[in-house]
Amino acid sequence: MDHEFIVVDDLTKIYPDAEPEPRSSDALFGTTGSTVAFQVAFRSHRQPRTPSWKRLSLRVNSSGSSNVAVSHVALQPARCPSWRQDLDDYEVVAPTLIPDLLIPLASGTGSAQTLIFEKHTGWNAIWVEVTLPSVGVDVEIYDGETLLFHTHIDVDVLQADIPRAPVSHLRWFHHDCIADHYGVDMWSDDHWRAIATQMEASASLGATSVMMPLWTPPLDVQPGHYRRATQLLGISQTDEGYSFDFSLARKWVSLAQSHGLHQVELPPFFTQWGATSAAAFYVGYAPGIPEANTRDLPPTFGWDTDATQREFQQFLAALIPAVRRFIEPLYGADNVFWHMSDEPRPEHLRSYQVASGAVTDYLEDTHIIDALSDPQYLPYVQTPVVATSEIKQFRSAGVEPHWVYYCVSQSTGQANQFMAQSGVHHRIQGFQFYKMRVRGFLHWGLNFYYSQWSLRLIDPMADTDAGGSFPSGDPFIIYPGPDYSTYLSLRHRMIAGAWRDLALAHYAETLIGRERVLAIIDPDATIDYDTGFPSAAEYRARLRTLFDAVAQALTNDVHSPRQMQIHSI
């Protein structure tokens, strides 16, 4: 049985039927505390009548005490890789299998060892990730005691404290999807276990916040219907008015902050696409008793409650100050984000004006953000979060959006998290956001495991497109694993890299100035939300030039407390 092995970069998706291009012999590079990654592609020529693939031993050794993690890159079904037959944006357009799911195999300090074997015909892939500092990585593959393959990769490490980019990264976190996938009660111990692993995965993506369900988010649900109640907040009503119990919410905050999610996003007060009705609020809910009195009951306020109904407005007048007294001391007002509605349409302008206008007096000195595609809402939204496909509309209206989002509709010419896009279409976002001075990014599909409108649960291992409704990869970027664990995806790791690149660019600006940073990352001045996608090799070259410029600036600044060294072998 013959074997073939190729070391491949971390921007390539390795398909079974296409021989991948080997990565260059250049050193990997990164800053202390970050990660570097590469892949090992392999295939075997199996003899007829052989009952199984040969098991080989993979050994990855890293110098120093750095962590090494090894994962198998599993193929995932993509029934809807693209709505268009445009190979400039997508690597594949017909239904197929796409490398995406990362199944952990082994990890360890300084080394990791595991058995590998083909899971399908053609090229298979192993994802290797090393936490820095490390000055070199050795990969060995054995058949028994026989060495079949060995390679050494140098690593250049920038010993500098690179702060997080000054950009908010918000992800909608679907707690009901987790509970339904595992078949557990809302807020049960097992539910909290799964939430914790998915929060950890969110933070490692680069997220600064996930949506907190103080009340059930009125999102991605068919009008007139309700998603499973996820309300953290205890609400009771007496003759004196409303009172609120934040005990369960405090537990959520503690868990989120323990994973480094230092900002928080609250659900909209009003329904999606126009703010016509109230979000679902359950009065009489007892926090800490999983779904004690919400499982089969309609909410006190909901689709049947007009957004401007007097009783509901009185409720909000009590709710909002109470929430502010609870949440702002925990996060700081600057790190709390509020919503009125989501993507109001042109015909809903009046309802949005009236509904939001009735509560803004209670939200003085707060951050109110809403996703928008229509510039006519600009006078009524404090901070518009603009779809990347609609940026030019807003520029024509004299506004350069500094908060952006993409989702299902940004499927032509935009960077996104779709499975069928190239690695550069994921990774370029860091350079895009730097050039456009983005201050915040929002995405809806961190872990949405329902069909469109939240009508039924799907199996994310078999359905990556919400029942055929969205491009594959849009609804989620992490997978629910066994025993309440969370599996990452190739897209997750590539987009996490984009946020590290964004942080490096902002740090570089403090050393060499913005003009020079732009000259490095966008030398032909073509990067925009829908243009300027270089090849993987060119992207890597630009990133290395930026890395070297930072290293040189720190070396020259002999008086700087940020003095650095680059170690390599």
Protein backbone atom coordinates (compact mmCIF):
# COMPACT_ATOMS: atom_id res chain seq x y z
CA MET A 1 0.00 0.00 0.00
CA ASP A 2 1.50 3.35 -1.08
CA HIS A 3 0.90 6.60 0.78
CA GLU A 4 1.14 10.25 -0.26
CA PHE A 5 1.54 13.22 2.09
CA ILE A 6 1.45 16.97 1.40
CA VAL A 7 1.77 19.80 3.94
CA VAL A 8 -0.79 22.47 3.08
CA ASP A 9 -1.42 26.00 4.42
CA ASP A 10 -4.31 27.09 6.66
CA LEU A 11 -6.21 28.95 3.92
CA THR A 12 -6.88 25.94 1.70
CA LYS A 13 -9.91 23.68 1.78
CA ILE A 14 -8.74 20.22 0.78
CA TYR A 15 -11.23 18.45 -1.46
CA PRO A 16 -10.94 14.68 -2.05
CA ASP A 17 -10.67 14.93 -5.84
CA ALA A 18 -8.19 17.81 -6.18
CA GLU A 19 -4.50 17.50 -5.33
CA PRO A 20 -3.74 20.37 -2.95
CA GLU A 21 -0.88 22.77 -3.52
CA PRO A 22 1.94 22.32 -1.00
CA ARG A 23 2.56 25.22 1.34
CA SER A 24 5.77 27.14 0.81
CA SER A 25 8.84 26.40 2.88
CA ASP A 26 8.51 29.78 4.60
CA ALA A 27 8.25 29.88 8.37
CA LEU A 28 4.95 30.09 10.12
CA PHE A 29 4.64 33.32 12.08
CA GLY A 30 2.53 34.88 14.80
CA THR A 31 2.49 36.73 18.07
CA THR A 32 2.92 35.30 21.55
CA GLY A 33 -0.29 33.70 22.76
CA SER A 34 -1.82 33.36 19.30
CA THR A 35 -1.94 30.21 17.20
CA VAL A 36 -0.47 29.09 13.90
CA ALA A 37 -1.93 26.30 11.80
CA PHE A 38 -1.29 24.09 8.81
CA GLN A 39 -2.73 20.91 7.35
CA VAL A 40 -1.41 17.50 6.42
CA ALA A 41 -3.15 16.10 3.35
CA PHE A 42 -2.81 12.37 2.79
CA ARG A 43 -4.17 9.54 0.73
CA SER A 44 -3.41 5.88 0.28
CA HIS A 45 -3.67 3.51 -2.63
CA ARG A 46 -5.68 0.68 -1.14
CA GLN A 47 -5.27 -2.81 -2.50
CA PRO A 48 -8.34 -4.75 -3.71
CA ARG A 49 -10.14 -6.86 -1.09
CA THR A 50 -8.39 -4.98 1.73
CA PRO A 51 -10.91 -4.84 4.61
CA SER A 52 -9.95 -1.39 5.89
CA TRP A 53 -7.62 1.55 5.50
CA LYS A 54 -4.18 1.26 7.05
CA ARG A 55 -3.82 2.94 10.47
CA LEU A 56 -0.83 5.25 10.58
CA SER A 57 0.71 7.02 13.55
CA LEU A 58 0.93 10.81 13.38
CA ARG A 59 3.30 12.56 15.77
CA VAL A 60 3.49 16.35 16.01
CA ASN A 61 6.21 17.84 18.21
CA SER A 62 6.59 21.51 19.00
CA SER A 63 9.56 23.10 20.67
CA GLY A 64 8.93 24.62 24.07
CA SER A 65 5.80 24.21 26.14
CA SER A 66 3.30 25.28 23.50
CA ASN A 67 0.00 23.46 23.11
CA VAL A 68 -0.47 21.25 20.05
CA ALA A 69 -3.94 20.25 18.84
CA VAL A 70 -4.68 17.85 15.99
CA SER A 71 -8.10 17.44 14.32
CA HIS A 72 -9.52 15.45 11.45
CA VAL A 73 -11.15 17.62 8.77
CA ALA A 74 -14.47 15.91 8.04
CA LEU A 75 -16.51 16.37 4.89
CA GLN A 76 -19.94 17.90 5.43
CA PRO A 77 -22.92 17.83 3.07
CA ALA A 78 -23.69 21.05 1.23
CA ARG A 79 -26.98 20.76 -0.59
CA CYS A 80 -27.04 24.48 -1.22
CA PRO A 81 -23.44 25.66 -1.57
CA SER A 82 -24.49 28.66 -3.65
CA TRP A 83 -27.58 30.27 -5.08
CA ARG A 84 -25.57 31.37 -8.11
CA GLN A 85 -23.33 29.64 -10.60
CA ASP A 86 -20.45 32.01 -9.95
CA LEU A 87 -17.11 30.34 -9.38
CA ASP A 88 -15.42 33.67 -8.70
CA ASP A 89 -17.11 33.66 -5.30
CA TYR A 90 -17.36 29.93 -4.63
CA GLU A 91 -15.12 26.91 -4.95
CA VAL A 92 -18.09 24.68 -5.76
CA VAL A 93 -21.66 25.48 -6.81
CA ALA A 94 -23.39 22.09 -7.13
CA PRO A 95 -24.50 19.98 -4.14
CA THR A 96 -21.46 18.17 -2.78
CA LEU A 97 -19.36 17.38 0.27
CA ILE A 98 -17.12 20.16 1.60
CA PRO A 99 -14.29 19.93 4.17
CA ASP A 100 -15.51 21.83 7.24
CA LEU A 101 -16.05 19.95 10.51
CA LEU A 102 -13.00 19.64 12.79
CA ILE A 103 -13.13 16.47 14.88
CA PRO A 104 -10.54 16.58 17.70
CA LEU A 105 -8.05 13.71 17.67
CA ALA A 106 -5.34 14.62 20.17
CA SER A 107 -3.80 17.55 22.02
CA GLY A 108 -0.97 18.06 24.44
CA THR A 109 1.75 20.30 25.73
CA GLY A 110 4.71 20.17 23.37
CA SER A 111 3.40 17.22 21.38
CA ALA A 112 0.37 15.31 20.19
CA GLN A 113 0.16 11.79 18.85
CA THR A 114 -2.76 9.99 17.23
CA LEU A 115 -3.69 7.32 14.71
CA ILE A 116 -4.91 8.57 11.36
CA PHE A 117 -6.58 6.78 8.49
CA GLU A 118 -8.74 7.68 5.52
CA LYS A 119 -12.38 8.39 6.23
CA HIS A 120 -13.17 8.56 2.53
CA THR A 121 -11.52 8.02 -0.83
CA GLY A 122 -9.23 10.68 -2.23
CA TRP A 123 -7.37 13.31 -0.24
CA ASN A 124 -8.04 13.46 3.50
CA ALA A 125 -6.84 16.26 5.76
CA ILE A 126 -5.54 16.75 9.29
CA TRP A 127 -5.65 20.24 10.85
CA VAL A 128 -2.69 21.02 13.13
CA GLU A 129 -2.77 24.08 15.39
CA VAL A 130 0.07 25.22 17.64
CA THR A 131 -0.15 27.87 20.35
CA LEU A 132 2.82 30.22 20.44
CA PRO A 133 5.53 30.58 21.56
CA SER A 134 7.10 27.80 19.55
CA VAL A 135 10.16 28.04 17.35
CA GLY A 136 9.60 24.93 15.31
CA VAL A 137 7.21 22.08 14.57
CA ASP A 138 8.10 18.55 13.46
CA VAL A 139 5.58 16.23 11.81
CA GLU A 140 6.28 12.51 11.57
CA ILE A 141 4.06 9.75 10.19
CA TYR A 142 4.85 6.10 10.88
CA ASP A 143 3.60 2.75 9.69
CA GLY A 144 4.45 0.75 12.76
CA GLU A 145 8.11 1.56 13.34
CA THR A 146 8.72 2.59 9.74
CA LEU A 147 9.00 6.34 9.17
CA LEU A 148 6.96 7.23 6.08
CA PHE A 149 7.07 11.02 6.26
CA HIS A 150 8.85 13.78 8.13
CA THR A 151 8.86 17.54 7.79
CA HIS A 152 10.09 20.42 9.91
CA ILE A 153 8.45 23.86 9.87
CA ASP A 154 10.15 26.89 11.37
CA VAL A 155 8.08 29.33 13.40
CA ASP A 156 8.82 33.03 13.85
CA VAL A 157 7.34 34.41 17.05
CA LEU A 158 6.81 38.09 17.73
CA GLN A 159 7.17 38.56 21.47
CA ALA A 160 4.84 41.50 21.85
CA ASP A 161 1.62 42.08 23.71
CA ILE A 162 -0.91 42.58 20.91
CA PRO A 163 -4.18 43.88 22.36
CA ARG A 164 -7.56 42.85 21.06
CA ALA A 165 -8.75 44.93 18.11
CA PRO A 166 -10.95 47.84 19.25
CA VAL A 167 -13.88 46.32 17.36
CA SER A 168 -16.99 44.69 18.83
CA HIS A 169 -17.81 41.21 17.52
CA LEU A 170 -21.37 40.18 18.35
CA ARG A 171 -22.84 36.72 17.72
CA TRP A 172 -26.45 35.63 18.17
CA PHE A 173 -26.42 32.65 20.48
CA HIS A 174 -29.40 30.29 20.13
CA HIS A 175 -29.87 28.69 23.54
CA ASP A 176 -33.05 26.88 22.48
CA CYS A 177 -31.22 25.15 19.63
CA ILE A 178 -28.73 23.71 22.11
CA ALA A 179 -31.45 22.45 24.45
CA ASP A 180 -33.44 20.90 21.63
CA HIS A 181 -30.41 19.28 20.01
CA TYR A 182 -29.45 17.49 23.21
CA GLY A 183 -33.04 16.91 24.35
CA VAL A 184 -32.54 18.60 27.72
CA ASP A 185 -34.59 21.04 29.78
CA MET A 186 -33.86 24.72 29.39
CA TRP A 187 -31.40 25.87 32.08
CA SER A 188 -30.83 22.33 33.35
CA ASP A 189 -27.30 21.36 34.42
CA ASP A 190 -26.67 19.62 31.10
CA HIS A 191 -27.90 22.67 29.22
CA TRP A 192 -25.45 24.87 31.11
CA ARG A 193 -22.62 22.42 30.29
CA ALA A 194 -23.33 22.73 26.57
CA ILE A 195 -23.70 26.51 26.81
CA ALA A 196 -20.27 26.73 28.46
CA THR A 197 -18.48 24.85 25.67
CA GLN A 198 -20.21 26.94 23.01
CA MET A 199 -19.34 30.16 24.82
CA GLU A 200 -15.72 29.04 24.88
CA ALA A 201 -15.90 28.38 21.13
CA SER A 202 -17.44 31.83 20.60
CA ALA A 203 -14.59 33.52 22.43
CA SER A 204 -11.98 31.57 20.45
CA LEU A 205 -13.65 32.81 17.26
CA GLY A 206 -12.89 36.35 18.37
CA ALA A 207 -16.38 37.22 19.60
CA THR A 208 -16.65 39.85 22.31
CA SER A 209 -20.30 39.08 23.07
CA VAL A 210 -23.10 36.61 22.51
CA MET A 211 -26.76 37.53 22.78
CA MET A 212 -28.09 37.17 26.31
CA PRO A 213 -31.70 35.87 26.45
CA LEU A 214 -32.97 37.97 29.33
CA TRP A 215 -36.20 37.51 27.37
CA THR A 216 -36.76 35.18 24.41
CA PRO A 217 -35.19 36.78 21.32
CA PRO A 218 -37.95 37.50 18.74
CA LEU A 219 -35.69 36.43 15.91
CA ASP A 220 -35.86 33.99 12.99
CA VAL A 221 -39.40 32.95 13.81
CA GLN A 222 -42.49 32.84 11.60
CA PRO A 223 -44.87 35.73 12.36
CA GLY A 224 -47.51 34.59 14.80
CA HIS A 225 -45.39 31.71 16.07
CA TYR A 226 -43.04 31.41 19.04
CA ARG A 227 -39.70 29.78 19.61
CA ARG A 228 -39.05 27.78 22.73
CA ALA A 229 -38.97 30.16 25.71
CA THR A 230 -35.45 30.98 26.85
CA GLN A 231 -36.22 33.80 29.29
CA LEU A 232 -33.56 34.17 31.98
CA LEU A 233 -35.43 36.95 33.73
CA GLY A 234 -37.95 36.27 36.46
CA ILE A 235 -40.91 38.64 36.15
CA SER A 236 -43.78 39.03 38.58
CA GLN A 237 -46.59 41.53 38.86
CA THR A 238 -48.15 42.92 42.02
CA ASP A 239 -50.53 45.73 42.82
CA GLU A 240 -47.47 47.98 43.09
CA GLY A 241 -46.22 47.09 39.59
CA TYR A 242 -43.59 44.74 38.19
CA SER A 243 -40.63 43.18 39.98
CA PHE A 244 -37.69 41.35 38.41
CA ASP A 245 -35.49 38.47 39.50
CA PHE A 246 -32.00 38.47 37.95
CA SER A 247 -30.59 35.44 39.80
CA LEU A 248 -30.47 33.19 36.72
CA ALA A 249 -29.22 36.07 34.59
CA ARG A 250 -26.36 36.63 37.03
CA LYS A 251 -25.28 33.01 36.54
CA TRP A 252 -25.28 33.53 32.77
CA VAL A 253 -23.18 36.68 33.06
CA SER A 254 -20.65 34.96 35.30
CA LEU A 255 -20.26 32.12 32.80
CA ALA A 256 -19.93 34.42 29.80
CA GLN A 257 -17.38 36.66 31.48
CA SER A 258 -15.36 33.65 32.63
CA HIS A 259 -14.83 32.84 28.94
CA GLY A 260 -13.67 36.36 28.11
CA LEU A 261 -16.94 37.64 26.59
CA HIS A 262 -16.63 41.12 28.01
CA GLN A 263 -19.55 42.72 26.18
CA VAL A 264 -23.23 41.79 26.09
CA GLU A 265 -26.05 42.14 23.56
CA LEU A 266 -29.69 42.14 24.66
CA PRO A 267 -32.61 40.93 22.52
CA PRO A 268 -34.89 43.35 20.66
CA PHE A 269 -37.91 44.67 22.52
CA PHE A 270 -40.04 44.31 19.42
CA THR A 271 -40.54 41.75 16.68
CA GLN A 272 -38.23 41.32 13.70
CA TRP A 273 -38.78 43.07 10.34
CA GLY A 274 -40.65 46.11 11.51
CA ALA A 275 -41.24 46.36 15.27
CA THR A 276 -44.99 45.81 14.88
CA SER A 277 -45.49 43.64 17.99
CA ALA A 278 -43.96 42.94 21.35
CA ALA A 279 -41.22 40.40 21.87
CA ALA A 280 -42.30 37.40 23.96
CA PHE A 281 -42.30 38.18 27.69
CA TYR A 282 -43.55 35.72 30.30
CA VAL A 283 -44.86 37.38 33.46
CA GLY A 284 -44.96 34.97 36.39
CA TYR A 285 -41.88 33.07 35.28
CA ALA A 286 -39.85 31.56 38.12
CA PRO A 287 -36.12 31.60 37.27
CA GLY A 288 -34.14 28.51 38.15
CA ILE A 289 -37.06 26.14 37.59
CA PRO A 290 -36.49 24.94 34.02
CA GLU A 291 -39.50 25.94 31.94
CA ALA A 292 -41.68 25.66 35.03
CA ASN A 293 -44.53 27.69 33.62
CA THR A 294 -43.61 28.63 30.07
CA ARG A 295 -43.49 25.29 28.25
CA ASP A 296 -47.07 25.21 26.95
CA LEU A 297 -48.36 28.69 27.75
CA PRO A 298 -48.50 31.71 25.47
CA PRO A 299 -46.45 34.70 26.61
CA THR A 300 -48.02 37.56 28.48
CA PHE A 301 -46.86 39.92 25.76
CA GLY A 302 -46.18 38.72 22.21
CA TRP A 303 -47.49 38.74 18.66
CA ASP A 304 -50.96 39.73 19.85
CA THR A 305 -49.52 42.76 21.65
CA ASP A 306 -49.23 45.88 19.54
CA ALA A 307 -45.80 47.44 20.05
CA THR A 308 -47.40 50.69 21.23
CA GLN A 309 -50.02 49.11 23.49
CA ARG A 310 -50.25 51.13 26.70
CA GLU A 311 -49.88 48.15 29.07
CA PHE A 312 -46.79 46.94 27.22
CA GLN A 313 -45.25 50.40 27.23
CA GLN A 314 -45.84 50.58 30.99
CA PHE A 315 -44.12 47.23 31.33
CA LEU A 316 -41.09 48.46 29.34
CA ALA A 317 -40.98 51.61 31.50
CA ALA A 318 -40.43 49.33 34.50
CA LEU A 319 -38.26 46.77 32.73
CA ILE A 320 -35.61 48.95 31.10
CA PRO A 321 -34.45 50.87 34.22
CA ALA A 322 -34.32 47.59 36.17
CA VAL A 323 -32.23 45.92 33.48
CA ARG A 324 -29.88 48.88 33.33
CA ARG A 325 -29.39 48.82 37.11
CA PHE A 326 -28.48 45.14 36.83
CA ILE A 327 -26.38 44.96 33.67
CA GLU A 328 -24.43 48.21 33.53
CA PRO A 329 -22.45 47.73 36.76
CA LEU A 330 -21.43 44.28 35.50
CA TYR A 331 -20.24 45.34 32.04
CA GLY A 332 -20.14 49.12 31.93
CA ALA A 333 -22.70 50.99 29.83
CA ASP A 334 -20.30 51.17 26.86
CA ASN A 335 -20.23 47.38 26.63
CA VAL A 336 -24.00 46.80 26.56
CA PHE A 337 -25.85 46.77 23.22
CA TRP A 338 -29.62 47.23 22.92
CA HIS A 339 -31.97 46.49 20.03
CA MET A 340 -35.37 47.77 18.99
CA SER A 341 -36.04 45.42 16.08
CA ASP A 342 -34.10 43.75 13.25
CA GLU A 343 -34.04 44.66 9.56
CA PRO A 344 -37.19 46.81 9.43
CA ARG A 345 -38.54 47.01 5.89
CA PRO A 346 -39.59 50.15 4.01
CA GLU A 347 -43.29 49.59 4.75
CA HIS A 348 -42.58 49.41 8.48
CA LEU A 349 -40.99 52.83 8.87
CA ARG A 350 -43.91 54.32 10.80
CA SER A 351 -44.30 51.37 13.20
CA TYR A 352 -40.56 51.39 13.89
CA GLN A 353 -40.56 55.14 14.57
CA VAL A 354 -43.44 54.94 17.01
CA ALA A 355 -42.32 51.79 18.83
CA SER A 356 -38.69 52.79 19.27
CA GLY A 357 -39.53 56.40 20.06
CA ALA A 358 -41.62 55.28 23.01
CA VAL A 359 -38.66 53.69 24.82
CA THR A 360 -35.60 55.70 23.83
CA ASP A 361 -36.12 58.09 26.75
CA TYR A 362 -35.25 55.19 29.07
CA LEU A 363 -32.06 54.43 27.12
CA GLU A 364 -30.16 57.68 27.39
CA ASP A 365 -26.37 57.22 27.17
CA THR A 366 -26.65 53.65 25.86
CA HIS A 367 -25.66 51.89 22.63
CA ILE A 368 -28.71 51.11 20.48
CA ILE A 369 -27.93 49.12 17.35
CA ASP A 370 -30.18 47.61 14.68
CA ALA A 371 -29.46 45.79 11.43
CA LEU A 372 -30.47 47.83 8.39
CA SER A 373 -30.57 47.59 4.61
CA ASP A 374 -32.57 50.77 3.97
CA PRO A 375 -30.97 54.24 4.38
CA GLN A 376 -34.35 55.90 5.05
CA TYR A 377 -34.10 54.56 8.61
CA LEU A 378 -30.91 56.50 9.32
CA PRO A 379 -32.63 59.34 11.23
CA TYR A 380 -34.28 56.85 13.57
CA VAL A 381 -31.49 54.39 14.40
CA GLN A 382 -28.69 55.49 16.67
CA THR A 383 -26.17 53.00 15.24
CA PRO A 384 -27.14 51.23 12.02
CA VAL A 385 -25.57 47.82 11.45
CA VAL A 386 -25.50 47.74 7.67
CA ALA A 387 -25.55 44.70 5.41
CA THR A 388 -22.28 44.59 3.45
CA SER A 389 -24.25 44.24 0.21
CA GLU A 390 -25.98 47.58 0.89
CA ILE A 391 -22.93 49.68 1.81
CA LYS A 392 -23.01 51.62 -1.46
CA GLN A 393 -26.60 52.73 -0.79
CA PHE A 394 -25.53 54.25 2.50
CA ARG A 395 -22.46 55.85 0.96
CA SER A 396 -24.74 57.47 -1.62
CA ALA A 397 -26.71 58.86 1.32
CA GLY A 398 -23.50 60.36 2.70
CA VAL A 399 -22.85 57.76 5.41
CA GLU A 400 -19.92 55.37 5.73
CA PRO A 401 -21.22 52.61 8.01
CA HIS A 402 -18.93 51.67 10.88
CA TRP A 403 -21.03 48.71 12.03
CA VAL A 404 -21.66 45.96 9.49
CA TYR A 405 -23.11 42.50 9.18
CA TYR A 406 -23.54 39.79 6.58
CA CYS A 407 -25.82 36.78 6.39
CA VAL A 408 -27.77 34.78 3.83
CA SER A 409 -28.33 37.65 1.37
CA GLN A 410 -24.71 38.77 1.14
CA SER A 411 -23.97 35.90 -1.22
CA THR A 412 -22.51 37.65 -4.27
CA GLY A 413 -19.09 39.23 -4.13
CA GLN A 414 -18.91 39.56 -0.34
CA ALA A 415 -16.76 37.90 2.27
CA ASN A 416 -18.90 35.60 4.37
CA GLN A 417 -18.89 32.33 6.32
CA PHE A 418 -20.37 30.10 3.59
CA MET A 419 -18.81 26.66 3.35
CA ALA A 420 -18.27 26.81 -0.42
CA GLN A 421 -16.22 30.02 -0.28
CA SER A 422 -12.45 30.01 -0.36
CA GLY A 423 -10.35 30.51 2.75
CA VAL A 424 -9.42 34.01 1.59
CA HIS A 425 -13.12 34.96 1.49
CA HIS A 426 -13.15 34.23 5.22
CA ARG A 427 -9.73 35.58 6.19
CA ILE A 428 -9.86 38.87 4.22
CA GLN A 429 -12.44 40.23 6.66
CA GLY A 430 -9.72 41.39 9.02
CA PHE A 431 -8.15 43.60 6.36
CA GLN A 432 -11.58 44.77 5.16
CA PHE A 433 -12.67 45.82 8.62
CA TYR A 434 -9.41 47.62 9.26
CA LYS A 435 -9.52 49.59 6.02
CA MET A 436 -13.18 50.58 6.50
CA ARG A 437 -12.62 51.62 10.15
CA VAL A 438 -15.27 49.17 11.33
CA ARG A 439 -16.15 49.48 15.01
CA GLY A 440 -18.58 46.58 15.23
CA PHE A 441 -19.64 43.41 13.43
CA LEU A 442 -22.78 41.32 13.95
CA HIS A 443 -23.71 37.83 12.76
CA TRP A 444 -26.89 35.88 13.36
CA GLY A 445 -25.69 32.33 12.69
CA LEU A 446 -23.35 31.11 15.39
CA ASN A 447 -25.34 28.00 16.33
CA PHE A 448 -28.74 28.00 14.62
CA TYR A 449 -29.78 24.34 14.39
CA TYR A 450 -33.35 24.86 13.16
CA SER A 451 -34.93 25.07 9.74
CA GLN A 452 -35.97 28.48 8.44
CA TRP A 453 -38.48 30.24 10.72
CA SER A 454 -37.40 27.90 13.56
CA LEU A 455 -40.12 25.45 12.56
CA ARG A 456 -38.21 22.24 13.25
CA LEU A 457 -34.91 20.95 14.58
CA ILE A 458 -32.32 19.86 12.02
CA ASP A 459 -29.30 17.59 12.39
CA PRO A 460 -26.31 19.90 11.87
CA MET A 461 -24.11 16.94 10.94
CA ALA A 462 -26.36 16.27 7.94
CA ASP A 463 -28.03 19.63 7.24
CA THR A 464 -25.86 22.73 6.90
CA ASP A 465 -28.43 24.95 5.16
CA ALA A 466 -31.42 25.20 7.54
CA GLY A 467 -33.48 22.69 5.61
CA GLY A 468 -32.39 23.95 2.19
CA SER A 469 -33.25 27.58 2.87
CA PHE A 470 -29.84 29.24 3.20
CA PRO A 471 -26.40 28.79 1.65
CA SER A 472 -24.57 26.02 3.45
CA GLY A 473 -22.65 27.38 6.42
CA ASP A 474 -24.80 30.46 6.95
CA PRO A 475 -26.81 29.11 9.93
CA PHE A 476 -23.88 28.01 12.09
CA ILE A 477 -20.12 28.01 12.37
CA ILE A 478 -19.77 25.60 15.30
CA TYR A 479 -21.17 22.09 15.70
CA PRO A 480 -22.70 20.44 18.79
CA GLY A 481 -20.42 17.55 19.71
CA PRO A 482 -20.95 14.49 21.90
CA ASP A 483 -21.36 14.82 25.68
CA TYR A 484 -22.21 18.53 25.37
CA SER A 485 -18.87 19.35 23.75
CA THR A 486 -18.48 21.73 20.83
CA TYR A 487 -16.71 21.00 17.57
CA LEU A 488 -15.20 23.85 15.59
CA SER A 489 -15.11 24.24 11.82
CA LEU A 490 -12.50 25.24 9.26
CA ARG A 491 -14.48 28.43 8.77
CA HIS A 492 -14.33 29.14 12.50
CA ARG A 493 -10.55 28.88 12.53
CA MET A 494 -10.13 30.95 9.36
CA ILE A 495 -12.37 33.74 10.62
CA ALA A 496 -10.63 33.63 14.00
CA GLY A 497 -7.44 34.25 12.01
CA ALA A 498 -9.08 37.27 10.40
CA TRP A 499 -9.70 38.79 13.83
CA ARG A 500 -6.08 38.21 14.81
CA ASP A 501 -5.02 39.94 11.60
CA LEU A 502 -7.32 42.84 12.44
CA ALA A 503 -5.71 43.16 15.87
CA LEU A 504 -2.24 43.12 14.29
CA ALA A 505 -3.22 45.85 11.83
CA HIS A 506 -4.54 48.10 14.59
CA TYR A 507 -1.40 47.50 16.64
CA ALA A 508 0.78 48.21 13.61
CA GLU A 509 -0.97 51.54 13.15
CA THR A 510 0.30 52.68 16.55
CA LEU A 511 3.86 51.96 15.40
CA ILE A 512 4.07 52.77 11.70
CA GLY A 513 0.93 54.79 10.99
CA ARG A 514 -2.28 54.01 9.15
CA GLU A 515 -1.05 54.98 5.68
CA ARG A 516 1.77 52.48 5.77
CA VAL A 517 -0.48 49.73 7.11
CA LEU A 518 -2.89 50.32 4.22
CA ALA A 519 -0.02 50.32 1.72
CA ILE A 520 0.97 46.88 3.00
CA ILE A 521 -2.41 45.17 3.27
CA ASP A 522 -4.03 46.87 0.26
CA PRO A 523 -1.19 47.84 -2.10
CA ASP A 524 -3.42 48.25 -5.15
CA ALA A 525 -6.20 50.01 -3.18
CA THR A 526 -8.86 47.52 -4.27
CA ILE A 527 -10.08 46.09 -0.96
CA ASP A 528 -13.74 46.80 -0.28
CA TYR A 529 -16.60 44.69 0.97
CA ASP A 530 -17.17 43.31 -2.52
CA THR A 531 -13.72 43.54 -4.15
CA GLY A 532 -10.03 42.99 -3.59
CA PHE A 533 -9.81 39.26 -2.89
CA PRO A 534 -6.14 38.30 -3.42
CA SER A 535 -4.88 34.75 -3.81
CA ALA A 536 -4.01 32.81 -0.69
CA ALA A 537 -0.30 33.24 -1.46
CA GLU A 538 -0.66 36.98 -1.94
CA TYR A 539 -2.70 37.34 1.24
CA ARG A 540 -0.07 35.45 3.18
CA ALA A 541 2.68 37.63 1.68
CA ARG A 542 0.90 40.82 2.73
CA LEU A 543 0.35 39.51 6.24
CA ARG A 544 4.02 38.55 6.53
CA THR A 545 5.07 42.02 5.38
CA LEU A 546 2.84 43.57 8.05
CA PHE A 547 4.26 41.22 10.67
CA ASP A 548 7.83 42.12 9.68
CA ALA A 549 7.03 45.85 9.72
CA VAL A 550 5.77 45.56 13.30
CA ALA A 551 8.84 43.57 14.30
CA GLN A 552 11.17 46.12 12.74
CA ALA A 553 9.38 49.06 14.34
CA LEU A 554 9.62 47.48 17.77
CA THR A 555 13.29 46.64 17.26
CA ASN A 556 14.07 50.22 16.27
CA ASP A 557 12.16 51.67 19.20
CA VAL A 558 14.82 50.99 21.81
CA HIS A 559 12.98 53.07 24.40
CA SER A 560 9.68 51.30 23.95
CA PRO A 561 8.38 49.14 26.82
CA ARG A 562 7.01 46.94 24.04
CA GLN A 563 10.52 45.79 23.06
CA MET A 564 10.31 42.51 21.16
CA GLN A 565 12.33 39.66 19.77
CA ILE A 566 11.73 37.24 16.96
CA HIS A 567 12.82 33.69 17.64
CA SER A 568 13.18 31.17 14.84
CA ILE A 569 15.24 28.17 13.87
